[in-house]
Amino acid sequence: MPPATPPSTALVHVIIETGAKRVFASALEWPGWSRSGREEASALDALANYAERYGAVARAAHVRFPARPAFEIVERVTGNATTDFGAPAIAATSEHEPPTAAEARRLAAILEAAWAKLDEVVAQAPASLRKGPRGGGRDRDRVVEHVLGAEHAYGRTIGVRFPEPKIDDRAAIEAGRAAILAAFRAAAAKDAPETSWPVRYAARRITWHVLDHAWEIEDRSEG
């Protein structure tokens, strides 16, 4: 059974995903709160350092977030090439359990808040973002296009198909998002079909991807 979700407490259950070059620490009750490092300790440090930023998203979703989260590692898994490339790739054992209706609504609410955060950041960001030390990094619109393309692909892993939206087609973007949210909520039904990705993991991966790029744009808009 998945761990209970007591957002009023400080305890946060964490999965550690270890690849050959990178380690991810992901908070299982908090989809999207995943950070990486070169080893377990630095991944956990990064997760802690992003608590305030993630907490603002959770509160925007009207989900109570612990003021002083304390981590408890509940599972360790072996990562793969995707882990080393830079994405949490392995579902936790608990994520194979279908969500309850209340949990599905909570997953959807947090993802909606993550999308709202991305939209807010994009609206305020310059078109040209600060480059990395070697001159690399996508500019704002290319980052958004990347997120839209990824969600088009992610949707298929949970049985959702929709045309890949263009960056200036707001109606298509909203339709794709609505389809993903509907799949989350439908996963709580007793007769829900099996999907390539367990819905709990899909929520974690999709929300992480949205927030990772929202925070990237935010950080690269400064200075």
Protein backbone atom coordinates (compact mmCIF):
# COMPACT_ATOMS: atom_id res chain seq x y z
CA MET A 1 0.00 0.00 0.00
CA PRO A 2 1.23 3.54 -0.65
CA PRO A 3 2.29 5.56 2.40
CA ALA A 4 -0.39 7.64 4.03
CA THR A 5 -0.49 11.29 3.05
CA PRO A 6 -0.53 13.48 6.17
CA PRO A 7 0.34 16.94 4.82
CA SER A 8 -0.04 18.47 8.29
CA THR A 9 3.03 16.57 9.56
CA ALA A 10 6.69 17.16 8.81
CA LEU A 11 7.47 13.60 7.67
CA VAL A 12 8.14 13.27 3.94
CA HIS A 13 8.60 9.84 2.36
CA VAL A 14 11.41 9.83 -0.21
CA ILE A 15 12.45 7.47 -2.99
CA ILE A 16 16.14 7.45 -3.93
CA GLU A 17 16.86 6.62 -7.57
CA THR A 18 20.53 5.94 -8.23
CA GLY A 19 22.02 5.96 -11.71
CA ALA A 20 25.64 5.65 -12.80
CA LYS A 21 26.19 9.42 -12.81
CA ARG A 22 23.19 11.00 -11.10
CA VAL A 23 20.93 10.38 -8.10
CA PHE A 24 17.35 11.63 -7.73
CA ALA A 25 15.53 12.18 -4.45
CA SER A 26 11.75 12.42 -4.89
CA ALA A 27 9.08 13.14 -2.29
CA LEU A 28 6.39 10.53 -2.90
CA GLU A 29 3.47 12.43 -1.38
CA TRP A 30 4.47 15.59 -3.22
CA PRO A 31 4.53 15.07 -7.00
CA GLY A 32 7.06 17.31 -8.68
CA TRP A 33 9.28 17.77 -5.62
CA SER A 34 12.25 15.88 -7.05
CA ARG A 35 15.85 17.04 -7.23
CA SER A 36 19.11 15.43 -8.24
CA GLY A 37 22.76 15.36 -7.26
CA ARG A 38 25.91 13.40 -7.92
CA GLU A 39 25.27 11.24 -4.89
CA GLU A 40 22.47 10.55 -2.41
CA ALA A 41 23.49 13.21 0.10
CA SER A 42 23.64 16.02 -2.46
CA ALA A 43 20.30 14.95 -3.95
CA LEU A 44 18.70 15.14 -0.51
CA ASP A 45 20.32 18.52 0.10
CA ALA A 46 18.92 19.78 -3.19
CA LEU A 47 15.48 18.46 -2.27
CA ALA A 48 15.62 20.32 1.04
CA ASN A 49 16.83 23.50 -0.67
CA TYR A 50 13.77 23.48 -2.93
CA ALA A 51 11.24 22.99 -0.13
CA GLU A 52 10.30 26.67 -0.03
CA ARG A 53 9.82 26.92 -3.78
CA TYR A 54 7.81 23.72 -3.93
CA GLY A 55 5.79 24.70 -0.88
CA ALA A 56 4.59 27.83 -2.64
CA VAL A 57 3.21 25.64 -5.45
CA ALA A 58 1.54 23.27 -3.00
CA ARG A 59 -0.09 26.15 -1.17
CA ALA A 60 -1.32 27.58 -4.48
CA ALA A 61 -3.01 24.20 -4.97
CA HIS A 62 -4.65 24.68 -1.54
CA VAL A 63 -2.72 21.72 -0.17
CA ARG A 64 -1.24 22.08 3.29
CA PHE A 65 2.56 21.81 3.15
CA PRO A 66 4.77 21.00 6.17
CA ALA A 67 6.65 23.98 7.58
CA ARG A 68 9.60 21.81 8.62
CA PRO A 69 9.73 18.70 6.40
CA ALA A 70 11.88 15.80 7.58
CA PHE A 71 12.86 13.12 5.09
CA GLU A 72 12.40 9.40 5.55
CA ILE A 73 13.84 7.23 2.77
CA VAL A 74 11.29 4.49 2.13
CA GLU A 75 12.71 2.94 -1.04
CA ARG A 76 15.88 2.86 -3.11
CA VAL A 77 15.76 1.91 -6.78
CA THR A 78 18.32 1.52 -9.54
CA GLY A 79 18.11 4.20 -12.19
CA ASN A 80 18.83 3.96 -15.90
CA ALA A 81 20.06 6.09 -18.80
CA THR A 82 17.10 8.46 -18.34
CA THR A 83 18.14 9.01 -14.73
CA ASP A 84 21.65 9.95 -15.85
CA PHE A 85 20.26 12.13 -18.64
CA GLY A 86 18.40 14.13 -15.99
CA ALA A 87 14.88 12.84 -15.28
CA PRO A 88 13.42 10.63 -12.51
CA ALA A 89 12.70 7.46 -14.48
CA ILE A 90 11.73 4.66 -12.10
CA ALA A 91 8.37 4.25 -10.35
CA ALA A 92 8.38 3.46 -6.66
CA THR A 93 6.64 0.30 -5.48
CA SER A 94 3.90 2.38 -3.85
CA GLU A 95 3.27 4.26 -7.09
CA HIS A 96 1.89 1.13 -8.71
CA GLU A 97 -1.14 1.36 -6.42
CA PRO A 98 -4.03 3.24 -8.03
CA PRO A 99 -4.94 6.48 -6.26
CA THR A 100 -8.15 6.96 -4.36
CA ALA A 101 -10.56 9.57 -5.73
CA ALA A 102 -9.31 12.09 -3.13
CA GLU A 103 -5.69 11.36 -3.95
CA ALA A 104 -6.35 11.70 -7.68
CA ARG A 105 -7.91 15.12 -7.09
CA ARG A 106 -4.86 16.11 -5.04
CA LEU A 107 -2.44 15.01 -7.78
CA ALA A 108 -4.45 16.98 -10.32
CA ALA A 109 -4.55 20.08 -8.12
CA ILE A 110 -0.78 20.13 -7.65
CA LEU A 111 -0.15 19.67 -11.37
CA GLU A 112 -2.60 22.48 -12.14
CA ALA A 113 -0.69 24.71 -9.72
CA ALA A 114 2.58 23.76 -11.40
CA TRP A 115 1.16 24.74 -14.80
CA ALA A 116 -0.03 28.02 -13.31
CA LYS A 117 3.49 28.63 -11.98
CA LEU A 118 4.97 27.96 -15.41
CA ASP A 119 2.48 30.29 -17.10
CA GLU A 120 3.21 33.04 -14.56
CA VAL A 121 6.97 32.73 -14.98
CA VAL A 122 6.77 32.66 -18.78
CA ALA A 123 4.57 35.78 -18.83
CA GLN A 124 7.20 37.70 -16.86
CA ALA A 125 10.36 36.30 -18.48
CA PRO A 126 12.34 37.94 -21.27
CA ALA A 127 12.42 36.16 -24.61
CA SER A 128 16.20 35.69 -24.34
CA LEU A 129 17.36 33.94 -21.18
CA ARG A 130 20.76 34.18 -19.56
CA LYS A 131 23.10 31.57 -21.02
CA GLY A 132 25.06 29.00 -19.11
CA PRO A 133 28.82 29.25 -18.48
CA ARG A 134 29.50 27.70 -21.90
CA GLY A 135 26.85 29.71 -23.70
CA GLY A 136 24.24 26.95 -23.69
CA GLY A 137 20.57 26.83 -22.78
CA ARG A 138 17.30 27.30 -24.63
CA ASP A 139 15.57 30.64 -24.75
CA ARG A 140 12.12 31.09 -23.20
CA ASP A 141 9.90 29.98 -26.07
CA ARG A 142 12.10 26.97 -26.86
CA VAL A 143 11.78 25.84 -23.23
CA VAL A 144 7.98 26.15 -23.43
CA GLU A 145 7.89 24.24 -26.71
CA HIS A 146 9.98 21.52 -25.09
CA VAL A 147 7.52 21.24 -22.18
CA LEU A 148 4.54 21.07 -24.55
CA GLY A 149 6.21 18.39 -26.64
CA ALA A 150 7.07 16.34 -23.58
CA GLU A 151 3.50 16.50 -22.27
CA HIS A 152 2.23 15.35 -25.67
CA ALA A 153 4.47 12.28 -25.27
CA TYR A 154 3.75 11.81 -21.57
CA GLY A 155 0.03 11.78 -22.27
CA ARG A 156 0.34 8.58 -24.28
CA THR A 157 1.88 6.80 -21.29
CA ILE A 158 -1.41 7.25 -19.41
CA GLY A 159 -3.69 6.52 -22.35
CA VAL A 160 -4.26 10.11 -23.48
CA ARG A 161 -3.79 11.26 -27.06
CA PHE A 162 -4.08 14.84 -28.25
CA PRO A 163 -2.35 16.90 -30.95
CA GLU A 164 0.88 18.52 -29.84
CA PRO A 165 -0.07 22.14 -29.12
CA LYS A 166 1.64 25.09 -30.71
CA ILE A 167 3.05 27.63 -28.29
CA ASP A 168 0.55 30.30 -29.39
CA ASP A 169 -2.52 28.03 -29.38
CA ARG A 170 -3.87 28.55 -25.89
CA ALA A 171 -7.02 26.53 -26.52
CA ALA A 172 -5.01 23.50 -27.61
CA ILE A 173 -2.68 23.82 -24.61
CA GLU A 174 -5.64 23.91 -22.22
CA ALA A 175 -7.29 20.96 -24.00
CA GLY A 176 -4.16 18.85 -23.62
CA ARG A 177 -3.84 19.75 -19.96
CA ALA A 178 -7.49 18.95 -19.35
CA ALA A 179 -7.04 15.53 -20.96
CA ILE A 180 -4.11 14.72 -18.65
CA LEU A 181 -6.05 15.85 -15.57
CA ALA A 182 -9.04 13.75 -16.63
CA ALA A 183 -6.77 10.71 -16.90
CA PHE A 184 -5.51 11.30 -13.36
CA ARG A 185 -9.06 11.46 -12.01
CA ALA A 186 -10.20 8.43 -14.03
CA ALA A 187 -7.35 6.35 -12.57
CA ALA A 188 -9.26 6.15 -9.29
CA ALA A 189 -12.11 4.19 -10.91
CA LYS A 190 -12.29 0.48 -10.15
CA ASP A 191 -12.32 -0.41 -13.84
CA ALA A 192 -9.49 1.98 -14.80
CA PRO A 193 -7.35 0.46 -17.57
CA GLU A 194 -3.67 -0.27 -17.04
CA THR A 195 -1.31 2.35 -18.42
CA SER A 196 2.34 2.33 -19.47
CA TRP A 197 3.20 4.55 -16.52
CA PRO A 198 1.45 4.14 -13.18
CA VAL A 199 -0.58 7.30 -12.68
CA ARG A 200 1.12 8.21 -9.39
CA TYR A 201 4.51 8.08 -11.12
CA ALA A 202 3.13 9.92 -14.16
CA ALA A 203 1.96 12.71 -11.85
CA ARG A 204 5.39 12.89 -10.25
CA ARG A 205 7.25 12.90 -13.57
CA ILE A 206 4.97 15.39 -15.38
CA THR A 207 4.79 17.80 -12.45
CA TRP A 208 8.55 17.61 -11.92
CA HIS A 209 9.15 18.42 -15.59
CA VAL A 210 6.84 21.45 -15.50
CA LEU A 211 8.38 22.83 -12.31
CA ASP A 212 11.96 22.06 -13.30
CA HIS A 213 11.58 24.21 -16.40
CA ALA A 214 9.51 26.88 -14.67
CA TRP A 215 12.29 27.30 -12.11
CA GLU A 216 14.90 27.19 -14.88
CA ILE A 217 13.22 30.06 -16.71
CA GLU A 218 12.82 31.94 -13.45
CA ASP A 219 16.49 31.53 -12.53
CA ARG A 220 17.78 32.32 -16.00
CA SER A 221 15.66 35.46 -16.19
CA GLU A 222 17.66 37.03 -13.37
CA GLY A 223 20.65 39.24 -13.88
